Amino acid sequence: MSFNLSIGPLVSLIAGILILVMPKLLNLIVALYLIAIGILGLVGAHNLRL
């Protein structure tokens, strides 16, 4: 039996749980996500599969 685990859904799950436990983290999590996506877009890493 083999598991194919992708980082994207795992990060989403952890972020969702953290937001439920500590709603004040929402701003920080969204900001970090947007910064990471922006940097990846600027450096041309849009072909990278996360």
PDB file of N, CA and C in Angstrom:
ATOM      1  N   MET A   1       0.849  -1.175   0.000  1.00  0.00           N
ATOM      2  CA  MET A   1       0.000   0.000   0.000  1.00  0.00           C
ATOM      3  C   MET A   1       0.898   1.242   0.000  1.00  0.00           C
ATOM      4  N   SER A   2       0.610   2.156  -0.892  1.00  0.00           N
ATOM      5  CA  SER A   2       1.446   3.347  -1.052  1.00  0.00           C
ATOM      6  C   SER A   2       0.600   4.608  -0.862  1.00  0.00           C
ATOM      7  N   PHE A   3       1.161   5.564  -0.142  1.00  0.00           N
ATOM      8  CA  PHE A   3       0.497   6.843   0.058  1.00  0.00           C
ATOM      9  C   PHE A   3       1.207   7.908  -0.753  1.00  0.00           C
ATOM     10  N   ASN A   4       0.444   8.652  -1.518  1.00  0.00           N
ATOM     11  CA  ASN A   4       0.993   9.765  -2.285  1.00  0.00           C
ATOM     12  C   ASN A   4       0.555  11.047  -1.584  1.00  0.00           C
ATOM     13  N   LEU A   5       1.433  11.601  -0.762  1.00  0.00           N
ATOM     14  CA  LEU A   5       1.103  12.761   0.060  1.00  0.00           C
ATOM     15  C   LEU A   5       1.658  14.030  -0.575  1.00  0.00           C
ATOM     16  N   SER A   6       0.789  14.988  -0.786  1.00  0.00           N
ATOM     17  CA  SER A   6       1.184  16.271  -1.355  1.00  0.00           C
ATOM     18  C   SER A   6       1.242  17.307  -0.230  1.00  0.00           C
ATOM     19  N   ILE A   7       2.114  18.287  -0.372  1.00  0.00           N
ATOM     20  CA  ILE A   7       2.318  19.281   0.689  1.00  0.00           C
ATOM     21  C   ILE A   7       1.163  20.289   0.763  1.00  0.00           C
ATOM     22  N   GLY A   8       0.537  20.597  -0.358  1.00  0.00           N
ATOM     23  CA  GLY A   8      -0.531  21.597  -0.381  1.00  0.00           C
ATOM     24  C   GLY A   8      -1.705  21.274   0.526  1.00  0.00           C
ATOM     25  N   PRO A   9      -2.321  20.101   0.339  1.00  0.00           N
ATOM     26  CA  PRO A   9      -3.443  19.746   1.215  1.00  0.00           C
ATOM     27  C   PRO A   9      -3.044  19.614   2.684  1.00  0.00           C
ATOM     28  N   LEU A  10      -1.834  19.158   2.933  1.00  0.00           N
ATOM     29  CA  LEU A  10      -1.378  19.022   4.313  1.00  0.00           C
ATOM     30  C   LEU A  10      -1.252  20.387   4.984  1.00  0.00           C
ATOM     31  N   VAL A  11      -0.682  21.360   4.275  1.00  0.00           N
ATOM     32  CA  VAL A  11      -0.562  22.718   4.806  1.00  0.00           C
ATOM     33  C   VAL A  11      -1.939  23.323   5.029  1.00  0.00           C
ATOM     34  N   SER A  12      -2.863  23.082   4.094  1.00  0.00           N
ATOM     35  CA  SER A  12      -4.222  23.602   4.234  1.00  0.00           C
ATOM     36  C   SER A  12      -4.911  23.025   5.465  1.00  0.00           C
ATOM     37  N   LEU A  13      -4.729  21.742   5.682  1.00  0.00           N
ATOM     38  CA  LEU A  13      -5.341  21.091   6.841  1.00  0.00           C
ATOM     39  C   LEU A  13      -4.791  21.660   8.149  1.00  0.00           C
ATOM     40  N   ILE A  14      -3.484  21.796   8.226  1.00  0.00           N
ATOM     41  CA  ILE A  14      -2.865  22.347   9.443  1.00  0.00           C
ATOM     42  C   ILE A  14      -3.302  23.792   9.664  1.00  0.00           C
ATOM     43  N   ALA A  15      -3.328  24.587   8.594  1.00  0.00           N
ATOM     44  CA  ALA A  15      -3.758  25.983   8.719  1.00  0.00           C
ATOM     45  C   ALA A  15      -5.209  26.066   9.170  1.00  0.00           C
ATOM     46  N   GLY A  16      -6.061  25.217   8.625  1.00  0.00           N
ATOM     47  CA  GLY A  16      -7.469  25.208   9.029  1.00  0.00           C
ATOM     48  C   GLY A  16      -7.651  24.877  10.489  1.00  0.00           C
ATOM     49  N   ILE A  17      -6.922  23.887  10.967  1.00  0.00           N
ATOM     50  CA  ILE A  17      -7.011  23.513  12.382  1.00  0.00           C
ATOM     51  C   ILE A  17      -6.510  24.647  13.274  1.00  0.00           C
ATOM     52  N   LEU A  18      -5.388  25.277  12.874  1.00  0.00           N
ATOM     53  CA  LEU A  18      -4.863  26.392  13.673  1.00  0.00           C
ATOM     54  C   LEU A  18      -5.838  27.562  13.714  1.00  0.00           C
ATOM     55  N   ILE A  19      -6.500  27.838  12.598  1.00  0.00           N
ATOM     56  CA  ILE A  19      -7.472  28.934  12.564  1.00  0.00           C
ATOM     57  C   ILE A  19      -8.661  28.619  13.467  1.00  0.00           C
ATOM     58  N   LEU A  20      -9.093  27.363  13.494  1.00  0.00           N
ATOM     59  CA  LEU A  20     -10.199  26.989  14.382  1.00  0.00           C
ATOM     60  C   LEU A  20      -9.804  27.139  15.846  1.00  0.00           C
ATOM     61  N   VAL A  21      -8.571  26.757  16.171  1.00  0.00           N
ATOM     62  CA  VAL A  21      -8.120  26.809  17.563  1.00  0.00           C
ATOM     63  C   VAL A  21      -7.819  28.244  17.983  1.00  0.00           C
ATOM     64  N   MET A  22      -7.144  28.989  17.105  1.00  0.00           N
ATOM     65  CA  MET A  22      -6.747  30.365  17.416  1.00  0.00           C
ATOM     66  C   MET A  22      -7.137  31.276  16.251  1.00  0.00           C
ATOM     67  N   PRO A  23      -8.352  31.833  16.254  1.00  0.00           N
ATOM     68  CA  PRO A  23      -8.822  32.641  15.124  1.00  0.00           C
ATOM     69  C   PRO A  23      -7.950  33.861  14.817  1.00  0.00           C
ATOM     70  N   LYS A  24      -7.196  34.350  15.783  1.00  0.00           N
ATOM     71  CA  LYS A  24      -6.337  35.510  15.523  1.00  0.00           C
ATOM     72  C   LYS A  24      -5.200  35.180  14.566  1.00  0.00           C
ATOM     73  N   LEU A  25      -4.926  33.896  14.365  1.00  0.00           N
ATOM     74  CA  LEU A  25      -3.870  33.491  13.440  1.00  0.00           C
ATOM     75  C   LEU A  25      -4.276  33.652  11.973  1.00  0.00           C
ATOM     76  N   LEU A  26      -5.548  33.889  11.722  1.00  0.00           N
ATOM     77  CA  LEU A  26      -6.030  33.981  10.347  1.00  0.00           C
ATOM     78  C   LEU A  26      -5.262  35.025   9.550  1.00  0.00           C
ATOM     79  N   ASN A  27      -5.082  36.212  10.106  1.00  0.00           N
ATOM     80  CA  ASN A  27      -4.365  37.275   9.388  1.00  0.00           C
ATOM     81  C   ASN A  27      -2.935  36.859   9.064  1.00  0.00           C
ATOM     82  N   LEU A  28      -2.263  36.251  10.024  1.00  0.00           N
ATOM     83  CA  LEU A  28      -0.879  35.835   9.810  1.00  0.00           C
ATOM     84  C   LEU A  28      -0.777  34.732   8.756  1.00  0.00           C
ATOM     85  N   ILE A  29      -1.658  33.760   8.827  1.00  0.00           N
ATOM     86  CA  ILE A  29      -1.621  32.643   7.878  1.00  0.00           C
ATOM     87  C   ILE A  29      -1.915  33.126   6.465  1.00  0.00           C
ATOM     88  N   VAL A  30      -2.908  33.977   6.310  1.00  0.00           N
ATOM     89  CA  VAL A  30      -3.239  34.508   4.984  1.00  0.00           C
ATOM     90  C   VAL A  30      -2.101  35.365   4.449  1.00  0.00           C
ATOM     91  N   ALA A  31      -1.516  36.185   5.291  1.00  0.00           N
ATOM     92  CA  ALA A  31      -0.410  37.044   4.854  1.00  0.00           C
ATOM     93  C   ALA A  31       0.787  36.209   4.409  1.00  0.00           C
ATOM     94  N   LEU A  32       1.152  35.202   5.179  1.00  0.00           N
ATOM     95  CA  LEU A  32       2.277  34.352   4.806  1.00  0.00           C
ATOM     96  C   LEU A  32       2.003  33.597   3.506  1.00  0.00           C
ATOM     97  N   TYR A  33       0.770  33.133   3.344  1.00  0.00           N
ATOM     98  CA  TYR A  33       0.405  32.432   2.109  1.00  0.00           C
ATOM     99  C   TYR A  33       0.526  33.353   0.901  1.00  0.00           C
ATOM    100  N   LEU A  34       0.000  34.551   1.019  1.00  0.00           N
ATOM    101  CA  LEU A  34       0.050  35.496  -0.101  1.00  0.00           C
ATOM    102  C   LEU A  34       1.483  35.905  -0.426  1.00  0.00           C
ATOM    103  N   ILE A  35       2.304  36.101   0.585  1.00  0.00           N
ATOM    104  CA  ILE A  35       3.712  36.442   0.356  1.00  0.00           C
ATOM    105  C   ILE A  35       4.424  35.289  -0.353  1.00  0.00           C
ATOM    106  N   ALA A  36       4.194  34.061   0.104  1.00  0.00           N
ATOM    107  CA  ALA A  36       4.849  32.898  -0.511  1.00  0.00           C
ATOM    108  C   ALA A  36       4.423  32.730  -1.962  1.00  0.00           C
ATOM    109  N   ILE A  37       3.132  32.863  -2.251  1.00  0.00           N
ATOM    110  CA  ILE A  37       2.644  32.730  -3.624  1.00  0.00           C
ATOM    111  C   ILE A  37       3.188  33.862  -4.486  1.00  0.00           C
ATOM    112  N   GLY A  38       3.260  35.063  -3.944  1.00  0.00           N
ATOM    113  CA  GLY A  38       3.801  36.197  -4.695  1.00  0.00           C
ATOM    114  C   GLY A  38       5.270  36.012  -5.041  1.00  0.00           C
ATOM    115  N   ILE A  39       6.053  35.544  -4.076  1.00  0.00           N
ATOM    116  CA  ILE A  39       7.483  35.310  -4.327  1.00  0.00           C
ATOM    117  C   ILE A  39       7.669  34.202  -5.356  1.00  0.00           C
ATOM    118  N   LEU A  40       6.917  33.123  -5.217  1.00  0.00           N
ATOM    119  CA  LEU A  40       7.019  32.037  -6.193  1.00  0.00           C
ATOM    120  C   LEU A  40       6.620  32.508  -7.586  1.00  0.00           C
ATOM    121  N   GLY A  41       5.629  33.367  -7.669  1.00  0.00           N
ATOM    122  CA  GLY A  41       5.214  33.901  -8.963  1.00  0.00           C
ATOM    123  C   GLY A  41       6.259  34.814  -9.580  1.00  0.00           C
ATOM    124  N   LEU A  42       6.922  35.612  -8.748  1.00  0.00           N
ATOM    125  CA  LEU A  42       7.934  36.536  -9.256  1.00  0.00           C
ATOM    126  C   LEU A  42       9.202  35.834  -9.736  1.00  0.00           C
ATOM    127  N   VAL A  43       9.597  34.775  -9.047  1.00  0.00           N
ATOM    128  CA  VAL A  43      10.824  34.093  -9.434  1.00  0.00           C
ATOM    129  C   VAL A  43      10.591  33.027 -10.496  1.00  0.00           C
ATOM    130  N   GLY A  44       9.354  32.883 -10.934  1.00  0.00           N
ATOM    131  CA  GLY A  44       9.056  31.965 -12.019  1.00  0.00           C
ATOM    132  C   GLY A  44       8.943  30.520 -11.595  1.00  0.00           C
ATOM    133  N   ALA A  45       8.576  30.281 -10.366  1.00  0.00           N
ATOM    134  CA  ALA A  45       8.435  28.905  -9.883  1.00  0.00           C
ATOM    135  C   ALA A  45       6.993  28.417 -10.027  1.00  0.00           C
ATOM    136  N   HIS A  46       6.248  28.974 -10.975  1.00  0.00           N
ATOM    137  CA  HIS A  46       4.859  28.573 -11.144  1.00  0.00           C
ATOM    138  C   HIS A  46       4.732  27.160 -11.692  1.00  0.00           C
ATOM    139  N   ASN A  47       5.811  26.598 -12.204  1.00  0.00           N
ATOM    140  CA  ASN A  47       5.786  25.214 -12.677  1.00  0.00           C
ATOM    141  C   ASN A  47       6.041  24.225 -11.559  1.00  0.00           C
ATOM    142  N   LEU A  48       6.399  24.726 -10.370  1.00  0.00           N
ATOM    143  CA  LEU A  48       6.648  23.872  -9.213  1.00  0.00           C
ATOM    144  C   LEU A  48       5.333  23.344  -8.684  1.00  0.00           C
ATOM    145  N   ARG A  49       5.235  22.027  -8.530  1.00  0.00           N
ATOM    146  CA  ARG A  49       4.002  21.420  -8.009  1.00  0.00           C
ATOM    147  C   ARG A  49       4.097  21.268  -6.507  1.00  0.00           C
ATOM    148  N   LEU A  50       3.211  21.953  -5.795  1.00  0.00           N
ATOM    149  CA  LEU A  50       3.170  21.818  -4.329  1.00  0.00           C
ATOM    150  C   LEU A  50       1.961  21.020  -3.929  1.00  0.00           C
TER     151      LEU A  50
END
